N, C-alpha and C. Protein backbone atom coordinates (compact mmCIF):
# COMPACT_ATOMS: atom_id res chain seq x y z
N MET A 1 72.51 127.34 141.66
CA MET A 1 72.54 126.49 140.66
C MET A 1 71.17 125.21 140.45
N LYS A 2 70.70 125.45 139.23
CA LYS A 2 69.75 124.49 139.32
C LYS A 2 70.06 123.15 139.09
N VAL A 3 69.48 122.15 140.24
CA VAL A 3 69.85 120.54 139.69
C VAL A 3 69.06 120.55 138.19
N PRO A 4 70.19 119.84 137.51
CA PRO A 4 69.57 119.50 136.12
C PRO A 4 68.66 117.97 136.15
N THR A 5 67.64 118.03 135.65
CA THR A 5 66.58 117.09 135.50
C THR A 5 66.98 115.78 134.41
N LYS A 6 67.80 116.23 133.77
CA LYS A 6 68.04 115.10 132.52
C LYS A 6 69.57 115.20 132.56
N PHE A 7 70.51 114.34 132.38
CA PHE A 7 71.64 114.49 132.62
C PHE A 7 72.31 112.95 132.07
N ILE A 8 73.46 112.87 131.96
CA ILE A 8 74.41 111.88 131.63
C ILE A 8 74.63 111.40 133.11
N GLU A 9 74.49 110.53 133.41
CA GLU A 9 74.64 109.86 134.93
C GLU A 9 75.77 109.12 134.84
N THR A 10 76.38 108.22 133.83
CA THR A 10 77.28 107.45 134.01
C THR A 10 78.16 107.24 132.47
N LEU A 11 79.62 107.29 132.51
CA LEU A 11 80.39 107.36 131.31
C LEU A 11 81.29 106.18 131.63
N SER A 12 81.33 105.34 130.84
CA SER A 12 82.70 104.59 130.95
C SER A 12 83.91 105.37 130.66
N GLN A 13 84.94 104.73 130.75
CA GLN A 13 86.21 105.19 130.72
C GLN A 13 86.62 105.46 129.34
N GLN A 14 86.64 104.48 128.60
CA GLN A 14 86.47 104.16 127.49
C GLN A 14 85.45 105.34 126.68
N GLU A 15 83.96 105.47 126.69
CA GLU A 15 83.26 106.59 126.11
C GLU A 15 83.38 107.82 126.82
N HIS A 16 84.34 108.19 127.79
CA HIS A 16 84.69 109.53 128.34
C HIS A 16 86.12 109.72 127.44
N SER A 17 86.60 108.87 127.42
CA SER A 17 87.57 109.06 126.32
C SER A 17 87.45 109.38 125.00
N SER A 18 86.39 108.78 124.52
CA SER A 18 86.00 108.98 123.21
C SER A 18 85.52 110.17 122.82
N LEU A 19 84.90 110.57 123.91
CA LEU A 19 83.98 111.84 124.08
C LEU A 19 84.86 113.02 123.89
N ILE A 20 85.96 113.20 124.78
CA ILE A 20 86.97 113.93 124.96
C ILE A 20 87.79 113.87 123.30
N GLU A 21 87.98 112.93 122.76
CA GLU A 21 88.82 112.86 121.37
C GLU A 21 87.89 113.26 120.37
N ASN A 22 86.52 113.19 120.30
CA ASN A 22 85.79 113.15 119.52
C ASN A 22 85.75 115.10 119.98
N HIS A 23 85.74 115.85 121.25
CA HIS A 23 85.64 117.07 121.00
C HIS A 23 86.82 117.83 120.74
N GLN A 24 87.90 117.22 120.67
CA GLN A 24 88.97 117.79 120.36
C GLN A 24 89.26 117.72 118.72
N THR A 25 89.49 116.64 118.11
CA THR A 25 89.78 116.43 117.05
C THR A 25 88.62 116.11 115.90
N SER A 26 87.49 115.88 116.04
CA SER A 26 86.60 115.74 115.00
C SER A 26 86.65 116.53 113.77
N GLU A 27 86.60 116.23 112.48
CA GLU A 27 86.39 117.27 111.42
C GLU A 27 84.98 117.59 111.44
N ASN A 28 84.05 117.29 111.72
CA ASN A 28 82.68 117.27 112.03
C ASN A 28 82.43 118.53 112.81
N PHE A 29 82.17 119.72 112.84
CA PHE A 29 81.89 120.58 114.08
C PHE A 29 80.77 120.26 115.02
N ARG A 30 79.73 119.46 114.21
CA ARG A 30 78.64 119.25 115.23
C ARG A 30 78.58 118.16 115.87
N VAL A 31 79.42 117.11 115.72
CA VAL A 31 79.91 116.04 116.35
C VAL A 31 80.65 116.76 117.67
N ARG A 32 81.76 117.67 117.49
CA ARG A 32 82.36 118.41 118.56
C ARG A 32 81.71 118.88 119.44
N ASN A 33 80.69 119.72 119.10
CA ASN A 33 79.74 120.44 119.59
C ASN A 33 78.95 119.35 120.80
N ARG A 34 78.15 118.50 119.94
CA ARG A 34 77.42 117.17 120.46
C ARG A 34 78.32 116.44 121.51
N SER A 35 79.47 116.17 121.50
CA SER A 35 80.49 115.59 122.44
C SER A 35 80.44 116.79 123.64
N HIS A 36 80.99 117.71 123.13
CA HIS A 36 81.09 118.70 124.65
C HIS A 36 80.03 118.99 125.15
N ALA A 37 78.63 118.67 124.73
CA ALA A 37 77.43 118.97 125.56
C ALA A 37 77.47 117.67 126.32
N ILE A 38 77.74 116.54 125.89
CA ILE A 38 77.70 115.13 126.67
C ILE A 38 78.44 115.38 127.64
N LEU A 39 79.47 115.88 127.79
CA LEU A 39 80.83 115.74 128.43
C LEU A 39 80.14 116.71 129.96
N LEU A 40 79.72 118.21 129.23
CA LEU A 40 78.95 118.86 130.30
C LEU A 40 78.06 118.31 131.00
N SER A 41 77.02 117.63 130.51
CA SER A 41 75.96 116.89 131.14
C SER A 41 76.38 115.79 132.17
N PHE A 42 77.58 115.37 132.06
CA PHE A 42 78.04 114.44 132.66
C PHE A 42 78.51 115.00 134.15
N GLU A 43 79.08 116.25 133.73
CA GLU A 43 79.13 117.06 134.79
C GLU A 43 78.13 117.72 135.68
N LYS A 44 77.39 117.50 135.28
CA LYS A 44 75.76 118.02 136.12
C LYS A 44 75.73 119.36 135.38
N PHE A 45 76.24 119.83 134.42
CA PHE A 45 75.60 121.15 134.38
C PHE A 45 74.02 120.95 133.57
N PRO A 46 73.59 122.35 134.02
CA PRO A 46 72.10 122.34 133.54
C PRO A 46 72.03 122.33 132.00
N ILE A 47 70.96 121.84 131.61
CA ILE A 47 70.37 122.14 130.27
C ILE A 47 70.82 123.36 129.63
N ALA A 48 70.24 124.15 130.11
CA ALA A 48 70.21 125.40 130.07
C ALA A 48 71.70 126.21 129.83
N ALA A 49 72.68 125.78 130.63
CA ALA A 49 73.78 126.44 130.72
C ALA A 49 74.48 125.51 129.48
N ILE A 50 74.31 124.37 129.29
CA ILE A 50 74.98 123.44 127.88
C ILE A 50 74.47 124.34 126.83
N ALA A 51 72.81 124.72 126.76
CA ALA A 51 72.55 125.34 125.40
C ALA A 51 73.59 126.82 125.52
N ARG A 52 73.56 127.35 125.94
CA ARG A 52 74.31 128.33 126.00
C ARG A 52 75.79 128.41 125.58
N ILE A 53 76.27 127.57 126.49
CA ILE A 53 77.68 127.49 126.03
C ILE A 53 78.23 126.65 124.11
N CYS A 54 77.07 125.94 123.86
CA CYS A 54 76.99 125.42 122.52
C CYS A 54 76.41 126.32 121.61
N ARG A 55 75.80 127.06 122.28
CA ARG A 55 74.84 128.40 121.24
C ARG A 55 73.86 127.70 120.45
N VAL A 56 73.28 126.40 121.26
CA VAL A 56 71.91 126.00 120.62
C VAL A 56 70.63 125.96 121.65
N ASP A 57 69.40 125.57 121.12
CA ASP A 57 68.29 125.84 121.94
C ASP A 57 68.20 124.67 122.81
N ARG A 58 67.33 124.66 124.04
CA ARG A 58 67.53 123.90 125.26
C ARG A 58 66.99 122.37 124.58
N ASP A 59 65.89 122.28 123.77
CA ASP A 59 65.34 121.50 123.36
C ASP A 59 66.49 120.56 122.31
N THR A 60 67.03 121.44 121.61
CA THR A 60 68.26 120.66 120.98
C THR A 60 69.31 119.67 121.86
N VAL A 61 69.79 120.45 123.14
CA VAL A 61 70.44 119.93 123.99
C VAL A 61 69.44 118.79 124.66
N SER A 62 68.64 118.68 124.67
CA SER A 62 67.96 117.75 125.24
C SER A 62 68.01 116.94 124.16
N ALA A 63 67.62 116.60 123.10
CA ALA A 63 67.50 115.51 122.02
C ALA A 63 68.71 115.15 122.15
N TRP A 64 69.98 115.85 122.03
CA TRP A 64 71.32 115.31 122.16
C TRP A 64 71.61 114.05 123.10
N ILE A 65 70.97 114.68 124.59
CA ILE A 65 71.09 113.62 125.55
C ILE A 65 69.93 112.39 125.05
N ASP A 66 69.14 112.75 124.70
CA ASP A 66 68.27 111.50 124.31
C ASP A 66 69.03 110.42 123.26
N ASN A 67 69.62 111.12 122.21
CA ASN A 67 70.19 110.59 121.34
C ASN A 67 71.79 109.29 121.89
N TRP A 68 72.08 110.24 123.13
CA TRP A 68 73.64 109.59 123.54
C TRP A 68 73.00 108.14 124.37
N HIS A 69 71.65 108.64 125.16
CA HIS A 69 71.23 107.35 125.83
C HIS A 69 70.58 106.02 125.18
N GLU A 70 69.97 106.57 124.15
CA GLU A 70 69.59 105.66 123.13
C GLU A 70 70.73 104.99 121.94
N PHE A 71 71.64 105.54 121.54
CA PHE A 71 72.42 104.89 120.69
C PHE A 71 73.89 105.22 121.08
N GLY A 72 74.01 105.77 122.33
CA GLY A 72 75.48 106.26 122.38
C GLY A 72 76.41 107.00 121.49
N GLY A 73 77.64 106.71 121.51
CA GLY A 73 78.32 107.40 120.40
C GLY A 73 77.90 107.90 119.10
N LYS A 74 77.02 106.55 118.59
CA LYS A 74 76.52 106.78 117.17
C LYS A 74 75.28 107.91 117.39
N GLY A 75 74.58 108.30 118.47
CA GLY A 75 73.82 109.16 118.74
C GLY A 75 74.37 110.55 118.30
N LEU A 76 75.40 110.75 118.36
CA LEU A 76 76.16 112.21 118.55
C LEU A 76 76.56 112.40 116.42
N GLU A 77 76.38 111.22 116.15
CA GLU A 77 76.64 111.47 114.42
C GLU A 77 75.38 111.82 113.83
N ASP A 78 75.52 112.82 112.41
CA ASP A 78 74.89 113.41 111.51
C ASP A 78 73.93 111.96 110.86
N GLU A 79 72.61 111.87 110.46
CA GLU A 79 72.16 111.14 109.98
C GLU A 79 71.88 111.29 108.57
N GLU A 80 71.89 110.27 107.89
CA GLU A 80 72.46 110.14 106.53
C GLU A 80 70.99 111.06 105.75
N LYS A 81 71.60 111.72 105.07
CA LYS A 81 70.28 112.91 104.57
C LYS A 81 70.70 112.55 102.77
N PRO A 82 68.87 112.26 102.45
CA PRO A 82 69.07 111.92 101.02
C PRO A 82 69.32 113.08 100.16
N GLY A 83 70.01 112.83 99.05
CA GLY A 83 70.47 114.32 98.41
C GLY A 83 70.43 113.61 96.78
N ARG A 84 70.36 114.72 96.14
CA ARG A 84 70.29 114.12 94.67
C ARG A 84 71.26 113.68 94.00
N PRO A 85 71.12 112.68 93.18
CA PRO A 85 71.72 111.45 93.05
C PRO A 85 73.12 112.33 92.00
N PRO A 86 74.31 112.14 92.15
CA PRO A 86 75.27 112.65 91.42
C PRO A 86 75.27 112.99 89.69
N ILE A 87 75.22 113.57 89.14
CA ILE A 87 74.93 114.09 87.65
C ILE A 87 75.98 113.01 86.88
N LEU A 88 76.98 112.98 87.15
CA LEU A 88 78.20 112.25 86.66
C LEU A 88 78.39 111.02 87.58
N THR A 89 78.91 109.85 86.68
CA THR A 89 79.22 108.39 87.33
C THR A 89 80.16 108.69 88.05
N LEU A 90 81.14 107.81 89.05
CA LEU A 90 82.19 108.15 89.60
C LEU A 90 83.20 107.89 88.19
N GLU A 91 83.23 106.99 86.95
CA GLU A 91 84.45 107.08 85.96
C GLU A 91 84.40 108.42 85.05
N GLU A 92 83.17 109.00 84.97
CA GLU A 92 82.53 110.07 84.18
C GLU A 92 83.25 111.46 85.13
N GLN A 93 83.02 111.26 86.67
CA GLN A 93 83.64 112.12 87.35
C GLN A 93 85.40 112.17 87.11
N THR A 94 86.00 111.06 87.19
CA THR A 94 87.60 110.70 86.71
C THR A 94 87.58 111.46 85.70
N LYS A 95 86.96 111.04 84.46
CA LYS A 95 87.40 111.73 83.13
C LYS A 95 87.06 113.42 82.96
N ALA A 96 85.98 113.62 84.04
CA ALA A 96 85.85 115.41 83.86
C ALA A 96 87.35 115.81 84.70
N ILE A 97 87.91 114.99 85.62
CA ILE A 97 89.02 115.93 86.37
C ILE A 97 89.70 115.86 85.34
N GLU A 98 90.36 114.63 84.74
CA GLU A 98 91.23 114.44 83.63
C GLU A 98 91.23 115.55 82.69
N THR A 99 89.97 115.54 82.00
CA THR A 99 90.20 116.74 80.97
C THR A 99 89.96 118.05 81.35
N ALA A 100 89.65 118.29 82.49
CA ALA A 100 89.95 119.71 83.43
C ALA A 100 91.17 120.09 83.66
N MET A 101 91.90 119.12 83.89
CA MET A 101 93.81 119.09 84.34
C MET A 101 94.12 119.46 83.02
N LYS A 102 93.64 118.89 81.80
CA LYS A 102 94.29 119.50 80.50
C LYS A 102 94.44 120.78 79.96
N ASN A 103 93.21 121.38 80.19
CA ASN A 103 92.96 122.52 79.96
C ASN A 103 92.55 123.52 81.40
N PRO A 104 93.37 123.97 82.08
CA PRO A 104 93.39 124.30 83.69
C PRO A 104 93.02 126.03 83.49
N LYS A 105 93.38 126.73 82.23
CA LYS A 105 93.02 127.99 82.24
C LYS A 105 91.75 128.35 81.44
N PHE A 106 91.00 127.70 81.05
CA PHE A 106 89.95 127.63 80.00
C PHE A 106 88.71 126.66 80.46
N PRO A 107 88.28 127.05 81.72
CA PRO A 107 86.84 126.21 82.12
C PRO A 107 86.06 126.09 81.19
N HIS A 108 85.59 127.04 80.27
CA HIS A 108 84.25 126.98 78.85
C HIS A 108 84.84 125.77 78.63
N ARG A 109 86.12 125.76 77.92
CA ARG A 109 86.45 124.68 77.07
C ARG A 109 86.21 122.82 77.93
N GLN A 110 86.91 123.20 79.35
CA GLN A 110 86.53 122.15 79.88
C GLN A 110 85.18 121.86 79.89
N LEU A 111 84.01 122.59 80.43
CA LEU A 111 83.07 122.27 80.17
C LEU A 111 82.51 121.57 78.81
N SER A 112 82.68 122.54 77.75
CA SER A 112 82.46 121.94 76.51
C SER A 112 82.87 120.40 76.35
N GLU A 113 83.92 120.19 76.44
CA GLU A 113 84.82 118.77 76.20
C GLU A 113 84.14 117.59 77.29
N ILE A 114 83.46 118.12 78.53
CA ILE A 114 82.92 117.18 79.47
C ILE A 114 81.80 117.00 79.00
N LYS A 115 80.83 117.85 78.14
CA LYS A 115 79.68 117.43 77.41
C LYS A 115 79.34 116.61 76.31
N ALA A 116 80.72 116.62 75.71
CA ALA A 116 80.84 116.13 74.72
C ALA A 116 80.99 115.12 74.92
N GLU A 117 82.33 114.42 75.52
CA GLU A 117 82.36 113.19 76.25
C GLU A 117 81.33 112.60 76.97
N SER A 118 80.69 113.14 77.61
CA SER A 118 79.56 112.37 78.92
C SER A 118 77.75 112.61 77.84
N GLY A 119 78.04 113.50 77.60
CA GLY A 119 76.64 113.94 76.67
C GLY A 119 75.90 114.26 78.29
N LYS A 120 76.26 115.11 79.31
CA LYS A 120 75.55 115.59 80.33
C LYS A 120 76.68 116.22 80.84
N GLU A 121 75.71 117.90 81.00
CA GLU A 121 75.88 119.24 81.43
C GLU A 121 76.43 119.37 82.94
N ILE A 122 77.26 119.60 82.99
CA ILE A 122 77.36 120.32 84.37
C ILE A 122 77.83 121.74 84.34
N SER A 123 77.87 122.17 85.57
CA SER A 123 78.03 123.36 85.81
C SER A 123 79.58 123.46 85.88
N SER A 124 80.29 124.82 86.02
CA SER A 124 81.59 125.26 86.65
C SER A 124 81.49 124.89 88.02
N TYR A 125 80.30 125.30 88.86
CA TYR A 125 80.47 124.73 90.51
C TYR A 125 80.74 123.52 90.37
N THR A 126 80.02 122.63 89.79
CA THR A 126 80.23 120.97 90.01
C THR A 126 81.56 120.47 89.64
N LEU A 127 82.00 121.02 88.52
CA LEU A 127 83.77 120.68 87.97
C LEU A 127 84.63 121.38 89.50
N LYS A 128 84.12 122.55 89.71
CA LYS A 128 85.13 123.27 90.80
C LYS A 128 85.07 122.45 92.01
N ASN A 129 84.21 121.73 92.62
CA ASN A 129 83.68 120.86 93.59
C ASN A 129 84.43 119.38 93.56
N PHE A 130 84.39 119.00 91.98
CA PHE A 130 85.10 117.71 91.74
C PHE A 130 86.70 117.46 91.75
N LEU A 131 87.11 118.89 91.37
CA LEU A 131 88.53 119.20 91.52
C LEU A 131 89.01 119.52 92.88
N LYS A 132 88.17 120.04 93.65
CA LYS A 132 88.36 120.61 95.06
C LYS A 132 88.70 119.13 95.73
N LYS A 133 87.47 118.10 95.23
CA LYS A 133 87.87 116.66 96.17
C LYS A 133 89.39 116.19 95.65
N LYS A 134 89.58 116.27 94.40
CA LYS A 134 90.65 115.81 93.76
C LYS A 134 91.98 116.08 94.27
N ILE A 135 91.92 117.23 94.20
CA ILE A 135 92.99 117.96 94.57
C ILE A 135 93.90 118.50 96.04
N ILE A 136 92.60 119.24 96.49
CA ILE A 136 92.71 120.03 97.70
C ILE A 136 92.22 118.73 99.21
N GLY A 137 91.13 117.88 98.73
CA GLY A 137 90.75 116.86 99.67
C GLY A 137 91.60 115.54 99.54
N GLY A 138 92.13 115.72 98.48
CA GLY A 138 93.46 114.41 98.40
C GLY A 138 92.84 113.13 98.21
N LYS A 139 91.16 113.09 98.01
CA LYS A 139 90.35 111.94 98.20
C LYS A 139 90.32 111.25 96.40
N GLU A 140 90.80 110.21 96.52
CA GLU A 140 90.42 109.40 94.92
C GLU A 140 89.06 109.17 94.79
N LEU A 141 88.47 109.30 93.36
CA LEU A 141 87.12 109.23 93.18
C LEU A 141 86.93 107.65 92.60
N SER A 142 87.96 106.74 92.60
CA SER A 142 87.47 105.61 92.02
C SER A 142 88.15 104.61 92.86
């Protein structure tokens, strides 16, 4: 077995526990995968083996290790990515959900009513995502 040239040399008990918890329970697959890679590196697995296990490129594993050295646990999380600003404000989103709940069987009516109320046109896909966040995700928009 090739001796790794880059690996995690030390982990505190708290860091080790945190990595195990992230690996087992994080909702974000990428955080789980990165945590697993750091744990494997701590156990002196070579980067090539970690890359095969995590199904990523060697350079990716190397970057994860660098991020761990530089930022610790925060280095495992995804960076904020700028995206398109939402079409509707939070208040308009709440009203759109209320409107959609009044006519659940008629999506075309929902969209027409939302456009009349807000003056903004949204797609059925956008409305569906609002409803998923509200109903399935259980997240409140306000």
